[in-house]
PDB file of N, CA and C in Angstrom:
ATOM      1  N   MET A   1       3.348   6.208  50.218  1.00  0.00           N
ATOM      2  CA  MET A   1       3.955   6.675  48.825  1.00  0.00           C
ATOM      3  C   MET A   1       4.812   7.628  48.875  1.00  0.00           C
ATOM      4  N   LYS A   2       4.529   8.687  49.288  1.00  0.00           N
ATOM      5  CA  LYS A   2       5.529   9.938  49.279  1.00  0.00           C
ATOM      6  C   LYS A   2       6.840   9.398  49.958  1.00  0.00           C
ATOM      7  N   LYS A   3       6.701   8.587  50.954  1.00  0.00           N
ATOM      8  CA  LYS A   3       8.366   7.983  51.692  1.00  0.00           C
ATOM      9  C   LYS A   3       8.951   7.389  50.803  1.00  0.00           C
ATOM     10  N   ILE A   4       8.060   6.283  49.831  1.00  0.00           N
ATOM     11  CA  ILE A   4       8.680   5.586  48.797  1.00  0.00           C
ATOM     12  C   ILE A   4       9.582   6.304  47.798  1.00  0.00           C
ATOM     13  N   LEU A   5       8.816   7.522  47.372  1.00  0.00           N
ATOM     14  CA  LEU A   5       9.431   8.143  46.808  1.00  0.00           C
ATOM     15  C   LEU A   5      10.448   9.109  46.987  1.00  0.00           C
ATOM     16  N   MET A   6      10.644   9.541  48.088  1.00  0.00           N
ATOM     17  CA  MET A   6      11.668  10.523  48.683  1.00  0.00           C
ATOM     18  C   MET A   6      12.836   9.399  48.793  1.00  0.00           C
ATOM     19  N   ILE A   7      12.569   8.142  49.245  1.00  0.00           N
ATOM     20  CA  ILE A   7      13.648   7.261  49.513  1.00  0.00           C
ATOM     21  C   ILE A   7      14.654   6.890  47.872  1.00  0.00           C
ATOM     22  N   PHE A   8      13.592   6.578  47.002  1.00  0.00           N
ATOM     23  CA  PHE A   8      13.763   6.147  45.455  1.00  0.00           C
ATOM     24  C   PHE A   8      14.904   7.653  45.216  1.00  0.00           C
ATOM     25  N   PHE A   9      14.292   8.727  45.555  1.00  0.00           N
ATOM     26  CA  PHE A   9      15.368   9.636  45.126  1.00  0.00           C
ATOM     27  C   PHE A   9      16.307  10.070  45.832  1.00  0.00           C
ATOM     28  N   PHE A  10      16.689  10.272  46.869  1.00  0.00           N
ATOM     29  CA  PHE A  10      17.964   9.661  47.682  1.00  0.00           C
ATOM     30  C   PHE A  10      18.617   8.902  47.479  1.00  0.00           C
ATOM     31  N   THR A  11      18.248   7.685  46.982  1.00  0.00           N
ATOM     32  CA  THR A  11      19.082   6.804  46.820  1.00  0.00           C
ATOM     33  C   THR A  11      19.602   6.830  45.249  1.00  0.00           C
ATOM     34  N   ALA A  12      18.572   7.661  44.148  1.00  0.00           N
ATOM     35  CA  ALA A  12      19.156   7.815  42.830  1.00  0.00           C
ATOM     36  C   ALA A  12      19.935   8.792  42.738  1.00  0.00           C
ATOM     37  N   VAL A  13      20.204   9.843  43.738  1.00  0.00           N
ATOM     38  CA  VAL A  13      21.063  11.045  43.757  1.00  0.00           C
ATOM     39  C   VAL A  13      22.230  10.604  44.482  1.00  0.00           C
ATOM     40  N   GLY A  14      22.396   9.961  45.504  1.00  0.00           N
ATOM     41  CA  GLY A  14      23.444   9.233  46.031  1.00  0.00           C
ATOM     42  C   GLY A  14      24.424   8.137  45.016  1.00  0.00           C
ATOM     43  N   CYS A  15      23.788   7.490  44.344  1.00  0.00           N
ATOM     44  CA  CYS A  15      24.455   6.628  43.544  1.00  0.00           C
ATOM     45  C   CYS A  15      25.059   7.506  42.255  1.00  0.00           C
ATOM     46  N   THR A  16      25.049   8.948  41.641  1.00  0.00           N
ATOM     47  CA  THR A  16      25.375   9.053  40.997  1.00  0.00           C
ATOM     48  C   THR A  16      26.987   9.234  41.126  1.00  0.00           C
ATOM     49  N   THR A  17      27.840   9.608  40.056  1.00  0.00           N
ATOM     50  CA  THR A  17      29.128   9.425  39.876  1.00  0.00           C
ATOM     51  C   THR A  17      29.340  11.058  40.278  1.00  0.00           C
ATOM     52  N   SER A  18      30.348  11.112  40.975  1.00  0.00           N
ATOM     53  CA  SER A  18      31.185  13.010  40.801  1.00  0.00           C
ATOM     54  C   SER A  18      32.289  13.051  39.426  1.00  0.00           C
ATOM     55  N   ILE A  19      32.508  12.151  38.902  1.00  0.00           N
ATOM     56  CA  ILE A  19      33.202  12.020  37.619  1.00  0.00           C
ATOM     57  C   ILE A  19      33.285  12.520  36.408  1.00  0.00           C
ATOM     58  N   LYS A  20      33.715  13.530  36.421  1.00  0.00           N
ATOM     59  CA  LYS A  20      33.186  14.779  34.522  1.00  0.00           C
ATOM     60  C   LYS A  20      33.976  14.193  33.842  1.00  0.00           C
ATOM     61  N   ASN A  21      35.474  14.085  33.929  1.00  0.00           N
ATOM     62  CA  ASN A  21      35.826  13.701  33.012  1.00  0.00           C
ATOM     63  C   ASN A  21      37.432  12.998  33.415  1.00  0.00           C
ATOM     64  N   HIS A  22      37.876  12.648  32.424  1.00  0.00           N
ATOM     65  CA  HIS A  22      39.350  11.825  32.468  1.00  0.00           C
ATOM     66  C   HIS A  22      40.355  12.929  31.723  1.00  0.00           C
ATOM     67  N   GLU A  23      41.407  13.290  32.534  1.00  0.00           N
ATOM     68  CA  GLU A  23      42.579  13.803  31.729  1.00  0.00           C
ATOM     69  C   GLU A  23      44.100  13.485  32.704  1.00  0.00           C
ATOM     70  N   GLY A  24      44.872  13.872  31.793  1.00  0.00           N
ATOM     71  CA  GLY A  24      46.299  13.446  32.641  1.00  0.00           C
ATOM     72  C   GLY A  24      47.341  13.503  31.152  1.00  0.00           C
ATOM     73  N   TYR A  25      48.171  13.156  31.496  1.00  0.00           N
ATOM     74  CA  TYR A  25      49.672  13.335  30.784  1.00  0.00           C
ATOM     75  C   TYR A  25      50.186  11.760  30.341  1.00  0.00           C
ATOM     76  N   ILE A  26      50.799  11.248  29.081  1.00  0.00           N
ATOM     77  CA  ILE A  26      51.280  10.471  28.675  1.00  0.00           C
ATOM     78  C   ILE A  26      52.955  10.730  28.349  1.00  0.00           C
ATOM     79  N   TYR A  27      53.794   9.889  28.817  1.00  0.00           N
ATOM     80  CA  TYR A  27      55.066  10.269  28.299  1.00  0.00           C
ATOM     81  C   TYR A  27      55.834   8.774  28.241  1.00  0.00           C
ATOM     82  N   ASP A  28      57.263   9.161  27.347  1.00  0.00           N
ATOM     83  CA  ASP A  28      57.770   7.685  27.343  1.00  0.00           C
ATOM     84  C   ASP A  28      58.711   7.275  28.383  1.00  0.00           C
ATOM     85  N   SER A  29      58.518   5.964  28.459  1.00  0.00           N
ATOM     86  CA  SER A  29      59.151   5.988  30.136  1.00  0.00           C
ATOM     87  C   SER A  29      60.634   5.891  29.770  1.00  0.00           C
ATOM     88  N   ASN A  30      61.262   6.032  28.450  1.00  0.00           N
ATOM     89  CA  ASN A  30      62.707   5.807  28.616  1.00  0.00           C
ATOM     90  C   ASN A  30      63.345   6.849  28.436  1.00  0.00           C
ATOM     91  N   THR A  31      62.491   8.063  27.628  1.00  0.00           N
ATOM     92  CA  THR A  31      62.879   9.377  27.283  1.00  0.00           C
ATOM     93  C   THR A  31      62.640  10.560  28.227  1.00  0.00           C
ATOM     94  N   LYS A  32      61.389   9.975  28.414  1.00  0.00           N
ATOM     95  CA  LYS A  32      61.084  10.981  29.900  1.00  0.00           C
ATOM     96  C   LYS A  32      60.152  12.083  29.361  1.00  0.00           C
ATOM     97  N   MET A  33      59.862  11.921  27.676  1.00  0.00           N
ATOM     98  CA  MET A  33      59.120  12.986  26.901  1.00  0.00           C
ATOM     99  C   MET A  33      57.709  12.805  26.712  1.00  0.00           C
ATOM    100  N   PRO A  34      57.045  13.749  26.471  1.00  0.00           N
ATOM    101  CA  PRO A  34      55.860  13.787  26.316  1.00  0.00           C
ATOM    102  C   PRO A  34      55.178  13.124  24.812  1.00  0.00           C
ATOM    103  N   LEU A  35      54.429  11.947  24.967  1.00  0.00           N
ATOM    104  CA  LEU A  35      54.003  11.224  23.598  1.00  0.00           C
ATOM    105  C   LEU A  35      52.685  12.176  23.114  1.00  0.00           C
ATOM    106  N   SER A  36      52.548  12.865  21.804  1.00  0.00           N
ATOM    107  CA  SER A  36      51.734  12.891  21.144  1.00  0.00           C
ATOM    108  C   SER A  36      50.901  12.078  20.270  1.00  0.00           C
ATOM    109  N   ASN A  37      49.554  12.412  20.091  1.00  0.00           N
ATOM    110  CA  ASN A  37      48.921  11.516  18.875  1.00  0.00           C
ATOM    111  C   ASN A  37      48.688   9.937  19.229  1.00  0.00           C
ATOM    112  N   ILE A  38      48.762  10.160  20.452  1.00  0.00           N
ATOM    113  CA  ILE A  38      48.213   8.692  21.545  1.00  0.00           C
ATOM    114  C   ILE A  38      46.794   8.721  21.847  1.00  0.00           C
ATOM    115  N   LYS A  39      45.928   7.881  21.406  1.00  0.00           N
ATOM    116  CA  LYS A  39      44.793   7.633  21.284  1.00  0.00           C
ATOM    117  C   LYS A  39      44.320   7.235  22.688  1.00  0.00           C
ATOM    118  N   ILE A  40      43.314   7.562  23.487  1.00  0.00           N
ATOM    119  CA  ILE A  40      42.786   7.440  25.007  1.00  0.00           C
ATOM    120  C   ILE A  40      41.293   7.204  24.648  1.00  0.00           C
ATOM    121  N   CYS A  41      40.532   6.340  24.983  1.00  0.00           N
ATOM    122  CA  CYS A  41      39.480   6.153  24.620  1.00  0.00           C
ATOM    123  C   CYS A  41      38.780   5.227  26.093  1.00  0.00           C
ATOM    124  N   PRO A  42      37.594   5.583  26.420  1.00  0.00           N
ATOM    125  CA  PRO A  42      36.668   5.690  27.618  1.00  0.00           C
ATOM    126  C   PRO A  42      36.154   4.376  28.031  1.00  0.00           C
ATOM    127  N   GLU A  43      36.195   3.447  26.492  1.00  0.00           N
ATOM    128  CA  GLU A  43      35.568   2.314  26.345  1.00  0.00           C
ATOM    129  C   GLU A  43      36.623   1.669  25.168  1.00  0.00           C
ATOM    130  N   ARG A  44      36.447   0.442  25.084  1.00  0.00           N
ATOM    131  CA  ARG A  44      37.719  -0.434  24.656  1.00  0.00           C
ATOM    132  C   ARG A  44      37.369  -0.742  23.256  1.00  0.00           C
ATOM    133  N   ASN A  45      35.887  -0.198  23.024  1.00  0.00           N
ATOM    134  CA  ASN A  45      35.397  -0.417  21.438  1.00  0.00           C
ATOM    135  C   ASN A  45      36.209   0.641  20.235  1.00  0.00           C
ATOM    136  N   ASN A  46      36.784   1.627  20.943  1.00  0.00           N
ATOM    137  CA  ASN A  46      37.287   2.554  20.055  1.00  0.00           C
ATOM    138  C   ASN A  46      36.789   3.225  18.987  1.00  0.00           C
ATOM    139  N   GLU A  47      35.557   3.696  19.867  1.00  0.00           N
ATOM    140  CA  GLU A  47      34.552   4.428  18.901  1.00  0.00           C
ATOM    141  C   GLU A  47      35.232   5.818  19.124  1.00  0.00           C
ATOM    142  N   ASP A  48      35.380   6.616  17.791  1.00  0.00           N
ATOM    143  CA  ASP A  48      35.744   7.718  17.787  1.00  0.00           C
ATOM    144  C   ASP A  48      35.134   9.196  18.310  1.00  0.00           C
ATOM    145  N   LEU A  49      33.986   9.011  18.508  1.00  0.00           N
ATOM    146  CA  LEU A  49      33.072  10.170  18.839  1.00  0.00           C
ATOM    147  C   LEU A  49      34.052  10.239  20.565  1.00  0.00           C
ATOM    148  N   LYS A  50      34.223   9.141  21.081  1.00  0.00           N
ATOM    149  CA  LYS A  50      34.119   9.310  22.542  1.00  0.00           C
ATOM    150  C   LYS A  50      36.127   9.071  22.832  1.00  0.00           C
ATOM    151  N   CYS A  51      36.609   9.370  21.825  1.00  0.00           N
ATOM    152  CA  CYS A  51      38.214   8.978  22.515  1.00  0.00           C
ATOM    153  C   CYS A  51      38.749  10.546  22.051  1.00  0.00           C
ATOM    154  N   VAL A  52      40.012  10.691  22.506  1.00  0.00           N
ATOM    155  CA  VAL A  52      40.825  12.032  22.212  1.00  0.00           C
ATOM    156  C   VAL A  52      42.100  11.504  22.081  1.00  0.00           C
ATOM    157  N   LYS A  53      42.817  12.250  21.561  1.00  0.00           N
ATOM    158  CA  LYS A  53      44.163  12.055  21.490  1.00  0.00           C
ATOM    159  C   LYS A  53      45.194  13.515  21.847  1.00  0.00           C
ATOM    160  N   THR A  54      46.424  12.843  22.306  1.00  0.00           N
ATOM    161  CA  THR A  54      47.200  13.517  23.381  1.00  0.00           C
ATOM    162  C   THR A  54      47.574  14.270  22.301  1.00  0.00           C
ATOM    163  N   ASP A  55      48.005  15.700  23.295  1.00  0.00           N
ATOM    164  CA  ASP A  55      48.550  16.822  22.183  1.00  0.00           C
ATOM    165  C   ASP A  55      50.212  16.778  22.273  1.00  0.00           C
ATOM    166  N   LYS A  56      50.780  17.770  21.647  1.00  0.00           N
ATOM    167  CA  LYS A  56      52.263  17.892  21.846  1.00  0.00           C
ATOM    168  C   LYS A  56      52.936  17.995  23.063  1.00  0.00           C
ATOM    169  N   LYS A  57      52.000  18.062  24.389  1.00  0.00           N
ATOM    170  CA  LYS A  57      52.515  18.012  25.836  1.00  0.00           C
ATOM    171  C   LYS A  57      52.117  16.560  26.146  1.00  0.00           C
ATOM    172  N   GLY A  58      51.680  15.852  25.554  1.00  0.00           N
ATOM    173  CA  GLY A  58      51.070  14.362  25.973  1.00  0.00           C
ATOM    174  C   GLY A  58      49.842  14.502  26.938  1.00  0.00           C
ATOM    175  N   PHE A  59      49.375  15.646  27.109  1.00  0.00           N
ATOM    176  CA  PHE A  59      48.017  16.200  27.687  1.00  0.00           C
ATOM    177  C   PHE A  59      46.557  15.230  26.627  1.00  0.00           C
ATOM    178  N   PHE A  60      46.154  14.867  27.646  1.00  0.00           N
ATOM    179  CA  PHE A  60      44.575  14.628  26.967  1.00  0.00           C
ATOM    180  C   PHE A  60      43.635  15.081  28.037  1.00  0.00           C
ATOM    181  N   LYS A  61      42.208  14.860  27.710  1.00  0.00           N
ATOM    182  CA  LYS A  61      41.211  15.356  28.244  1.00  0.00           C
ATOM    183  C   LYS A  61      39.575  14.702  27.513  1.00  0.00           C
ATOM    184  N   THR A  62      39.343  13.675  28.074  1.00  0.00           N
ATOM    185  CA  THR A  62      38.146  13.527  27.785  1.00  0.00           C
ATOM    186  C   THR A  62      36.886  14.206  27.923  1.00  0.00           C
ATOM    187  N   HIS A  63      35.970  14.524  27.097  1.00  0.00           N
ATOM    188  CA  HIS A  63      34.777  15.280  27.097  1.00  0.00           C
ATOM    189  C   HIS A  63      33.600  14.615  27.975  1.00  0.00           C
ATOM    190  N   ARG A  64      33.445  13.137  27.103  1.00  0.00           N
ATOM    191  CA  ARG A  64      32.139  12.343  27.279  1.00  0.00           C
ATOM    192  C   ARG A  64      32.548  11.053  28.265  1.00  0.00           C
ATOM    193  N   ILE A  65      32.006  11.350  29.029  1.00  0.00           N
ATOM    194  CA  ILE A  65      32.606  10.526  30.453  1.00  0.00           C
ATOM    195  C   ILE A  65      31.112   8.750  30.502  1.00  0.00           C
ATOM    196  N   ASN A  66      31.669   8.143  31.071  1.00  0.00           N
ATOM    197  CA  ASN A  66      30.814   7.246  30.742  1.00  0.00           C
ATOM    198  C   ASN A  66      31.356   6.441  32.646  1.00  0.00           C
ATOM    199  N   LEU A  67      30.785   5.623  33.246  1.00  0.00           N
ATOM    200  CA  LEU A  67      31.551   5.015  34.519  1.00  0.00           C
ATOM    201  C   LEU A  67      32.424   3.732  34.423  1.00  0.00           C
ATOM    202  N   SER A  68      32.762   3.784  33.276  1.00  0.00           N
ATOM    203  CA  SER A  68      34.075   2.826  32.999  1.00  0.00           C
ATOM    204  C   SER A  68      35.521   3.608  34.109  1.00  0.00           C
ATOM    205  N   GLN A  69      36.059   2.001  34.622  1.00  0.00           N
ATOM    206  CA  GLN A  69      37.089   2.539  35.528  1.00  0.00           C
ATOM    207  C   GLN A  69      38.323   2.309  34.722  1.00  0.00           C
ATOM    208  N   TYR A  70      38.211   2.024  33.451  1.00  0.00           N
ATOM    209  CA  TYR A  70      39.620   1.877  32.626  1.00  0.00           C
ATOM    210  C   TYR A  70      39.607   2.943  31.619  1.00  0.00           C
ATOM    211  N   LEU A  71      40.511   3.422  31.248  1.00  0.00           N
ATOM    212  CA  LEU A  71      41.163   3.992  29.892  1.00  0.00           C
ATOM    213  C   LEU A  71      41.933   3.265  28.975  1.00  0.00           C
ATOM    214  N   TYR A  72      41.378   2.944  27.883  1.00  0.00           N
ATOM    215  CA  TYR A  72      42.231   2.447  26.946  1.00  0.00           C
ATOM    216  C   TYR A  72      43.094   2.995  26.281  1.00  0.00           C
ATOM    217  N   ILE A  73      44.036   2.241  25.973  1.00  0.00           N
ATOM    218  CA  ILE A  73      45.714   3.382  25.022  1.00  0.00           C
ATOM    219  C   ILE A  73      45.731   2.750  23.698  1.00  0.00           C
ATOM    220  N   TYR A  74      45.447   3.324  22.844  1.00  0.00           N
ATOM    221  CA  TYR A  74      45.855   3.090  21.465  1.00  0.00           C
ATOM    222  C   TYR A  74      46.802   3.661  20.530  1.00  0.00           C
ATOM    223  N   ILE A  75      47.841   3.146  20.221  1.00  0.00           N
ATOM    224  CA  ILE A  75      49.017   3.439  19.811  1.00  0.00           C
ATOM    225  C   ILE A  75      49.152   2.757  17.982  1.00  0.00           C
ATOM    226  N   ASN A  76      48.965   3.527  17.342  1.00  0.00           N
ATOM    227  CA  ASN A  76      49.048   3.195  15.878  1.00  0.00           C
ATOM    228  C   ASN A  76      47.274   2.509  15.646  1.00  0.00           C
ATOM    229  N   GLU A  77      46.533   2.945  16.195  1.00  0.00           N
ATOM    230  CA  GLU A  77      45.146   2.371  15.942  1.00  0.00           C
ATOM    231  C   GLU A  77      45.157   0.732  16.838  1.00  0.00           C
ATOM    232  N   LYS A  78      46.019   0.548  17.607  1.00  0.00           N
ATOM    233  CA  LYS A  78      45.762  -0.537  18.011  1.00  0.00           C
ATOM    234  C   LYS A  78      46.331  -0.579  19.747  1.00  0.00           C
ATOM    235  N   LEU A  79      45.230  -1.563  20.106  1.00  0.00           N
ATOM    236  CA  LEU A  79      44.921  -1.476  21.431  1.00  0.00           C
ATOM    237  C   LEU A  79      46.436  -1.933  22.518  1.00  0.00           C
ATOM    238  N   SER A  80      47.104  -0.753  23.045  1.00  0.00           N
ATOM    239  CA  SER A  80      48.003  -1.147  23.626  1.00  0.00           C
ATOM    240  C   SER A  80      48.031  -1.888  25.112  1.00  0.00           C
ATOM    241  N   ASP A  81      47.240  -0.686  25.796  1.00  0.00           N
ATOM    242  CA  ASP A  81      47.256  -1.166  27.503  1.00  0.00           C
ATOM    243  C   ASP A  81      45.882  -0.359  27.878  1.00  0.00           C
ATOM    244  N   SER A  82      45.932  -0.710  29.083  1.00  0.00           N
ATOM    245  CA  SER A  82      44.568   0.135  29.971  1.00  0.00           C
ATOM    246  C   SER A  82      45.507   1.141  31.068  1.00  0.00           C
ATOM    247  N   ILE A  83      44.444   1.978  31.934  1.00  0.00           N
ATOM    248  CA  ILE A  83      44.772   2.509  32.840  1.00  0.00           C
ATOM    249  C   ILE A  83      43.683   2.367  33.615  1.00  0.00           C
ATOM    250  N   GLN A  84      43.788   1.975  34.556  1.00  0.00           N
ATOM    251  CA  GLN A  84      42.721   1.758  35.556  1.00  0.00           C
ATOM    252  C   GLN A  84      42.648   3.026  36.743  1.00  0.00           C
ATOM    253  N   THR A  85      41.669   3.972  36.588  1.00  0.00           N
ATOM    254  CA  THR A  85      41.245   4.953  37.179  1.00  0.00           C
ATOM    255  C   THR A  85      40.525   5.208  38.603  1.00  0.00           C
ATOM    256  N   VAL A  86      40.094   3.804  38.884  1.00  0.00           N
ATOM    257  CA  VAL A  86      39.621   3.982  39.881  1.00  0.00           C
ATOM    258  C   VAL A  86      40.098   2.479  40.601  1.00  0.00           C
ATOM    259  N   PHE A  87      40.349   2.623  41.595  1.00  0.00           N
ATOM    260  CA  PHE A  87      40.968   1.336  42.628  1.00  0.00           C
ATOM    261  C   PHE A  87      39.939   1.462  44.004  1.00  0.00           C
ATOM    262  N   THR A  88      39.452   0.161  44.507  1.00  0.00           N
ATOM    263  CA  THR A  88      38.843  -0.384  45.463  1.00  0.00           C
ATOM    264  C   THR A  88      39.829  -1.235  45.945  1.00  0.00           C
ATOM    265  N   ASN A  89      39.552  -1.220  47.634  1.00  0.00           N
ATOM    266  CA  ASN A  89      40.074  -2.166  48.578  1.00  0.00           C
ATOM    267  C   ASN A  89      38.991  -2.457  49.695  1.00  0.00           C
ATOM    268  N   GLY A  90      38.606  -3.792  49.340  1.00  0.00           N
ATOM    269  CA  GLY A  90      37.481  -4.215  50.262  1.00  0.00           C
ATOM    270  C   GLY A  90      36.525  -3.453  50.083  1.00  0.00           C
ATOM    271  N   GLY A  91      36.041  -2.661  49.195  1.00  0.00           N
ATOM    272  CA  GLY A  91      34.994  -1.577  49.794  1.00  0.00           C
ATOM    273  C   GLY A  91      35.412  -0.480  50.790  1.00  0.00           C
ATOM    274  N   GLU A  92      36.603  -0.503  51.176  1.00  0.00           N
ATOM    275  CA  GLU A  92      37.020   0.566  52.312  1.00  0.00           C
ATOM    276  C   GLU A  92      37.584   1.744  51.653  1.00  0.00           C
ATOM    277  N   LYS A  93      38.878   1.200  50.608  1.00  0.00           N
ATOM    278  CA  LYS A  93      39.544   2.500  50.291  1.00  0.00           C
ATOM    279  C   LYS A  93      39.078   2.582  49.000  1.00  0.00           C
ATOM    280  N   TYR A  94      39.045   4.020  48.633  1.00  0.00           N
ATOM    281  CA  TYR A  94      38.733   4.228  47.285  1.00  0.00           C
ATOM    282  C   TYR A  94      39.459   5.475  46.860  1.00  0.00           C
ATOM    283  N   ASN A  95      40.056   5.144  45.596  1.00  0.00           N
ATOM    284  CA  ASN A  95      40.992   6.117  44.935  1.00  0.00           C
ATOM    285  C   ASN A  95      40.348   6.183  43.812  1.00  0.00           C
ATOM    286  N   GLU A  96      40.952   7.458  43.003  1.00  0.00           N
ATOM    287  CA  GLU A  96      40.506   7.796  41.637  1.00  0.00           C
ATOM    288  C   GLU A  96      41.864   8.529  41.180  1.00  0.00           C
ATOM    289  N   TYR A  97      42.223   8.082  39.826  1.00  0.00           N
ATOM    290  CA  TYR A  97      43.256   8.481  38.764  1.00  0.00           C
ATOM    291  C   TYR A  97      43.147   9.060  37.740  1.00  0.00           C
ATOM    292  N   PHE A  98      43.314  10.254  37.319  1.00  0.00           N
ATOM    293  CA  PHE A  98      43.317  10.856  35.771  1.00  0.00           C
ATOM    294  C   PHE A  98      41.685  11.356  35.923  1.00  0.00           C
ATOM    295  N   VAL A  99      41.061  11.945  37.095  1.00  0.00           N
ATOM    296  CA  VAL A  99      39.842  12.516  37.003  1.00  0.00           C
ATOM    297  C   VAL A  99      39.654  13.657  37.504  1.00  0.00           C
ATOM    298  N   ASN A 100      38.647  14.522  37.372  1.00  0.00           N
ATOM    299  CA  ASN A 100      38.281  15.490  37.899  1.00  0.00           C
ATOM    300  C   ASN A 100      39.489  16.471  38.096  1.00  0.00           C
ATOM    301  N   GLY A 101      40.062  17.043  36.942  1.00  0.00           N
ATOM    302  CA  GLY A 101      41.202  18.249  36.764  1.00  0.00           C
ATOM    303  C   GLY A 101      42.753  17.725  37.932  1.00  0.00           C
ATOM    304  N   ARG A 102      42.623  15.944  37.783  1.00  0.00           N
ATOM    305  CA  ARG A 102      43.819  15.534  38.661  1.00  0.00           C
ATOM    306  C   ARG A 102      44.481  15.001  37.479  1.00  0.00           C
ATOM    307  N   LYS A 103      45.351  15.953  37.142  1.00  0.00           N
ATOM    308  CA  LYS A 103      46.218  15.585  35.692  1.00  0.00           C
ATOM    309  C   LYS A 103      47.482  14.511  36.587  1.00  0.00           C
ATOM    310  N   ASP A 104      47.192  13.147  36.200  1.00  0.00           N
ATOM    311  CA  ASP A 104      47.900  12.337  36.224  1.00  0.00           C
ATOM    312  C   ASP A 104      49.030  11.755  35.388  1.00  0.00           C
ATOM    313  N   THR A 105      50.011  11.324  35.314  1.00  0.00           N
ATOM    314  CA  THR A 105      50.805  10.929  34.390  1.00  0.00           C
ATOM    315  C   THR A 105      50.657   9.184  34.290  1.00  0.00           C
ATOM    316  N   ALA A 106      51.050   8.741  33.096  1.00  0.00           N
ATOM    317  CA  ALA A 106      51.429   7.400  32.458  1.00  0.00           C
ATOM    318  C   ALA A 106      52.217   7.378  32.083  1.00  0.00           C
ATOM    319  N   PHE A 107      53.448   6.419  32.191  1.00  0.00           N
ATOM    320  CA  PHE A 107      54.607   6.316  31.467  1.00  0.00           C
ATOM    321  C   PHE A 107      54.532   4.749  30.590  1.00  0.00           C
ATOM    322  N   ILE A 108      54.899   5.025  29.319  1.00  0.00           N
ATOM    323  CA  ILE A 108      54.586   4.416  28.617  1.00  0.00           C
ATOM    324  C   ILE A 108      56.176   3.352  27.808  1.00  0.00           C
ATOM    325  N   ASP A 109      56.438   2.431  27.811  1.00  0.00           N
ATOM    326  CA  ASP A 109      57.715   2.058  27.073  1.00  0.00           C
ATOM    327  C   ASP A 109      57.161   1.455  25.839  1.00  0.00           C
ATOM    328  N   MET A 110      57.703   2.414  24.897  1.00  0.00           N
ATOM    329  CA  MET A 110      57.344   2.463  23.285  1.00  0.00           C
ATOM    330  C   MET A 110      57.856   1.402  22.357  1.00  0.00           C
ATOM    331  N   LYS A 111      58.700   0.647  22.990  1.00  0.00           N
ATOM    332  CA  LYS A 111      59.008  -0.431  22.639  1.00  0.00           C
ATOM    333  C   LYS A 111      58.318  -1.683  22.680  1.00  0.00           C
ATOM    334  N   LEU A 112      58.364  -2.001  24.220  1.00  0.00           N
ATOM    335  CA  LEU A 112      56.929  -2.858  24.539  1.00  0.00           C
ATOM    336  C   LEU A 112      55.712  -2.649  24.258  1.00  0.00           C
ATOM    337  N   LYS A 113      55.253  -0.902  24.128  1.00  0.00           N
ATOM    338  CA  LYS A 113      54.001  -0.661  23.830  1.00  0.00           C
ATOM    339  C   LYS A 113      53.225  -1.113  25.013  1.00  0.00           C
ATOM    340  N   LYS A 114      53.732  -0.713  26.183  1.00  0.00           N
ATOM    341  CA  LYS A 114      52.659  -0.818  27.641  1.00  0.00           C
ATOM    342  C   LYS A 114      53.262  -0.152  28.244  1.00  0.00           C
ATOM    343  N   ILE A 115      52.608   0.359  29.227  1.00  0.00           N
ATOM    344  CA  ILE A 115      52.437   1.316  30.491  1.00  0.00           C
ATOM    345  C   ILE A 115      53.281   0.510  31.365  1.00  0.00           C
ATOM    346  N   ILE A 116      54.279   1.148  31.567  1.00  0.00           N
ATOM    347  CA  ILE A 116      55.371   0.923  32.791  1.00  0.00           C
ATOM    348  C   ILE A 116      55.013   1.402  34.359  1.00  0.00           C
ATOM    349  N   ARG A 117      54.202   2.483  34.307  1.00  0.00           N
ATOM    350  CA  ARG A 117      53.963   3.026  35.345  1.00  0.00           C
ATOM    351  C   ARG A 117      52.959   4.184  35.181  1.00  0.00           C
ATOM    352  N   GLN A 118      52.076   4.422  36.428  1.00  0.00           N
ATOM    353  CA  GLN A 118      51.007   5.599  35.836  1.00  0.00           C
ATOM    354  C   GLN A 118      51.012   6.127  37.375  1.00  0.00           C
TER     355      GLN A 118
END
């Protein structure tokens, strides 16, 4: 019984995420200027408690994290696009973006309201 509990404990500890928060910058792809008041949500339901807005420098930082691998971008309260924060390739290669102090940047075409590159 003790061995089963130890296996369960180590499995549970090993499966926890190391992602503490999402953060980064949002810029206009045409002017290369930071975009303020862009709403960033870790869930698609646009729940205000979990969403943050970019500041005048285009910077955002979420404080409540979930295991979602996407950030959803709302412009004028409408879902515009999403950012994939976790990439895997056949289970071998694993990359994280916009997480744990890695201040990545996404560029949005404000005419199309879509991310051009991240």
